[in-house]
N, C-alpha and C. Protein backbone atom coordinates (compact mmCIF):
# COMPACT_ATOMS: atom_id res chain seq x y z
N MET A 1 11.89 22.10 -7.76
CA MET A 1 12.21 20.82 -8.06
C MET A 1 11.14 19.75 -7.90
N ARG A 2 10.93 19.03 -8.88
CA ARG A 2 9.78 18.15 -8.86
C ARG A 2 10.37 16.87 -8.20
N THR A 3 9.60 16.26 -7.40
CA THR A 3 9.97 14.90 -6.98
C THR A 3 9.20 13.80 -7.63
N SER A 4 9.75 12.66 -7.73
CA SER A 4 9.27 11.54 -8.63
C SER A 4 8.48 10.66 -7.70
N ARG A 5 7.54 10.04 -8.12
CA ARG A 5 6.61 9.21 -7.38
C ARG A 5 6.93 7.82 -7.81
N LEU A 6 7.56 7.01 -6.88
CA LEU A 6 7.98 5.56 -7.23
C LEU A 6 6.82 4.72 -7.33
N PHE A 7 5.93 4.99 -6.41
CA PHE A 7 5.02 4.00 -5.96
C PHE A 7 3.64 4.58 -6.51
N GLY A 8 2.66 3.51 -6.89
CA GLY A 8 1.16 3.87 -7.10
C GLY A 8 0.48 2.81 -6.70
N TYR A 9 -0.89 2.98 -6.71
CA TYR A 9 -1.97 1.98 -6.32
C TYR A 9 -3.06 2.05 -7.22
N GLN A 10 -3.79 0.95 -7.43
CA GLN A 10 -5.17 0.94 -7.97
C GLN A 10 -6.13 -0.21 -7.31
N GLN A 11 -7.24 0.39 -6.99
CA GLN A 11 -8.27 -0.64 -6.24
C GLN A 11 -8.97 -1.13 -7.49
N LEU A 12 -8.96 -2.39 -7.16
CA LEU A 12 -9.50 -3.42 -8.26
C LEU A 12 -11.04 -3.62 -7.93
N HIS A 13 -11.77 -3.89 -9.02
CA HIS A 13 -13.17 -4.20 -8.78
C HIS A 13 -13.55 -5.25 -7.93
N GLU A 14 -12.80 -6.16 -7.55
CA GLU A 14 -12.90 -7.37 -6.55
C GLU A 14 -12.63 -6.90 -5.20
N GLY A 15 -12.01 -5.65 -5.08
CA GLY A 15 -11.95 -5.00 -3.65
C GLY A 15 -10.19 -5.07 -3.20
N ALA A 16 -9.47 -5.75 -3.88
CA ALA A 16 -8.21 -5.78 -3.72
C ALA A 16 -7.56 -4.48 -4.16
N VAL A 17 -6.35 -4.35 -3.66
CA VAL A 17 -5.64 -3.05 -3.93
C VAL A 17 -4.25 -3.50 -4.55
N LEU A 18 -3.95 -3.06 -5.94
CA LEU A 18 -2.81 -3.37 -6.49
C LEU A 18 -1.63 -2.30 -6.26
N ILE A 19 -0.50 -2.80 -5.74
CA ILE A 19 0.43 -1.72 -5.59
C ILE A 19 1.69 -1.84 -6.51
N THR A 20 1.87 -0.79 -7.11
CA THR A 20 3.09 -0.88 -8.13
C THR A 20 4.12 0.10 -7.81
N ARG A 21 5.34 -0.17 -8.25
CA ARG A 21 6.29 0.61 -8.29
C ARG A 21 7.01 0.59 -9.75
N GLN A 22 7.14 1.97 -10.19
CA GLN A 22 7.44 2.26 -11.61
C GLN A 22 6.75 1.30 -12.73
N CYS A 23 5.29 1.42 -12.37
CA CYS A 23 4.38 0.69 -13.29
C CYS A 23 4.49 -0.94 -13.22
N ARG A 24 5.29 -1.49 -12.36
CA ARG A 24 5.30 -2.91 -12.19
C ARG A 24 4.85 -3.28 -10.87
N THR A 25 3.89 -4.27 -10.89
CA THR A 25 3.09 -4.79 -9.79
C THR A 25 4.18 -5.33 -8.62
N VAL A 26 4.04 -4.86 -7.48
CA VAL A 26 4.96 -5.30 -6.50
C VAL A 26 4.32 -6.08 -5.33
N ASN A 27 2.89 -5.85 -5.32
CA ASN A 27 2.18 -6.42 -4.23
C ASN A 27 0.65 -6.31 -4.47
N VAL A 28 -0.15 -7.14 -4.08
CA VAL A 28 -1.52 -7.08 -3.98
C VAL A 28 -2.16 -7.28 -2.64
N VAL A 29 -2.64 -6.22 -2.03
CA VAL A 29 -3.46 -6.44 -0.79
C VAL A 29 -4.77 -6.82 -0.84
N ARG A 30 -5.09 -7.93 -0.20
CA ARG A 30 -6.28 -8.53 -0.17
C ARG A 30 -6.98 -8.64 1.12
N GLY A 31 -8.29 -8.68 1.16
CA GLY A 31 -9.03 -8.88 2.46
C GLY A 31 -9.69 -7.57 2.83
N GLN A 32 -10.79 -7.48 3.37
CA GLN A 32 -11.38 -6.41 3.58
C GLN A 32 -10.80 -5.69 4.72
N GLU A 33 -10.26 -6.03 5.59
CA GLU A 33 -9.66 -5.41 6.88
C GLU A 33 -8.30 -4.88 6.54
N GLN A 34 -7.53 -5.62 5.50
CA GLN A 34 -6.16 -5.14 5.25
C GLN A 34 -6.35 -3.96 4.26
N VAL A 35 -7.27 -4.11 3.23
CA VAL A 35 -7.42 -3.07 2.39
C VAL A 35 -8.11 -1.80 3.05
N SER A 36 -8.80 -1.82 4.10
CA SER A 36 -9.46 -0.72 4.73
C SER A 36 -8.33 -0.05 5.53
N GLU A 37 -7.40 -0.97 6.18
CA GLU A 37 -6.12 -0.43 6.78
C GLU A 37 -5.32 0.64 5.87
N LEU A 38 -5.02 -0.08 4.66
CA LEU A 38 -4.23 0.65 3.74
C LEU A 38 -4.83 1.89 3.26
N LEU A 39 -6.10 1.87 2.96
CA LEU A 39 -6.57 3.10 2.35
C LEU A 39 -6.82 4.24 3.35
N SER A 40 -7.00 3.78 4.50
CA SER A 40 -7.21 4.90 5.67
C SER A 40 -5.72 5.36 5.96
N ALA A 41 -4.70 4.56 5.88
CA ALA A 41 -3.26 5.09 6.04
C ALA A 41 -2.70 5.91 4.86
N LEU A 42 -3.46 5.69 3.64
CA LEU A 42 -3.10 6.52 2.52
C LEU A 42 -3.62 7.86 2.72
N LYS A 43 -4.71 8.19 3.39
CA LYS A 43 -5.46 9.22 3.72
C LYS A 43 -4.77 10.01 4.72
N SER A 44 -4.18 9.49 5.71
CA SER A 44 -3.62 10.15 6.86
C SER A 44 -2.20 10.32 6.81
N GLU A 45 -1.27 9.59 6.03
CA GLU A 45 -0.03 9.57 6.06
C GLU A 45 0.54 9.87 4.59
N ASP A 46 1.94 9.96 4.55
CA ASP A 46 2.36 10.13 3.14
C ASP A 46 2.28 8.92 2.45
N ALA A 47 1.73 8.99 1.13
CA ALA A 47 1.20 7.89 0.38
C ALA A 47 2.41 6.98 -0.09
N GLN A 48 3.62 7.79 -0.40
CA GLN A 48 4.81 6.87 -0.83
C GLN A 48 5.30 6.25 0.34
N VAL A 49 5.38 6.68 1.44
CA VAL A 49 5.90 6.00 2.73
C VAL A 49 4.89 4.68 2.90
N VAL A 50 3.64 4.98 2.98
CA VAL A 50 2.82 3.84 3.15
C VAL A 50 2.83 2.73 2.01
N LEU A 51 2.79 3.14 0.81
CA LEU A 51 3.05 2.22 -0.37
C LEU A 51 4.21 1.41 -0.20
N SER A 52 5.30 2.26 0.23
CA SER A 52 6.72 1.49 0.29
C SER A 52 6.49 0.39 1.38
N ARG A 53 5.92 0.63 2.53
CA ARG A 53 5.89 -0.32 3.56
C ARG A 53 5.00 -1.48 3.10
N TYR A 54 3.83 -1.19 2.47
CA TYR A 54 3.07 -2.27 2.02
C TYR A 54 3.56 -3.11 0.84
N ALA A 55 4.34 -2.42 0.04
CA ALA A 55 5.00 -3.20 -0.99
C ALA A 55 6.04 -4.14 -0.62
N ASN A 56 6.70 -3.89 0.66
CA ASN A 56 7.82 -4.77 1.25
C ASN A 56 7.12 -5.92 1.90
N GLY A 57 5.75 -5.87 2.03
CA GLY A 57 5.10 -7.07 2.73
C GLY A 57 4.75 -6.52 4.13
N ALA A 58 5.11 -5.57 4.66
CA ALA A 58 4.90 -5.08 5.97
C ALA A 58 3.52 -4.74 6.29
N ARG A 59 2.85 -4.87 7.28
CA ARG A 59 1.56 -4.44 7.56
C ARG A 59 1.73 -3.06 8.33
N ALA A 60 0.68 -2.34 8.21
CA ALA A 60 0.55 -0.97 8.95
C ALA A 60 0.75 -1.07 10.43
N THR A 61 0.26 -2.07 10.99
CA THR A 61 0.30 -2.25 12.51
C THR A 61 1.42 -3.16 12.76
N ALA A 62 2.11 -3.00 13.94
CA ALA A 62 3.06 -3.75 14.34
C ALA A 62 2.45 -5.09 14.66
N SER A 63 3.15 -6.33 14.55
CA SER A 63 2.73 -7.50 15.00
C SER A 63 3.41 -7.84 16.23
N PRO A 64 2.88 -8.63 17.29
CA PRO A 64 3.54 -8.95 18.35
C PRO A 64 4.65 -9.82 18.36
N ALA A 65 5.62 -9.43 19.16
CA ALA A 65 6.92 -10.48 18.92
C ALA A 65 6.64 -11.67 19.37
N ARG A 66 7.30 -12.68 18.59
CA ARG A 66 7.10 -14.17 18.95
C ARG A 66 8.15 -14.71 19.89
């Protein structure tokens, strides 16, 4: 059985990463630090889980409670 891939990504020439869901843009990750975090997470974790997290606007690292 083949699993479908909902999320995809493309690194743009300006350094940003475009995140898509079913070929529609859902988020753009900008900034050298954030892009580096995303790309390293994609290498070490399940890409669909990582892209889902970033598509929903969440960062890879938890922010301190306020």
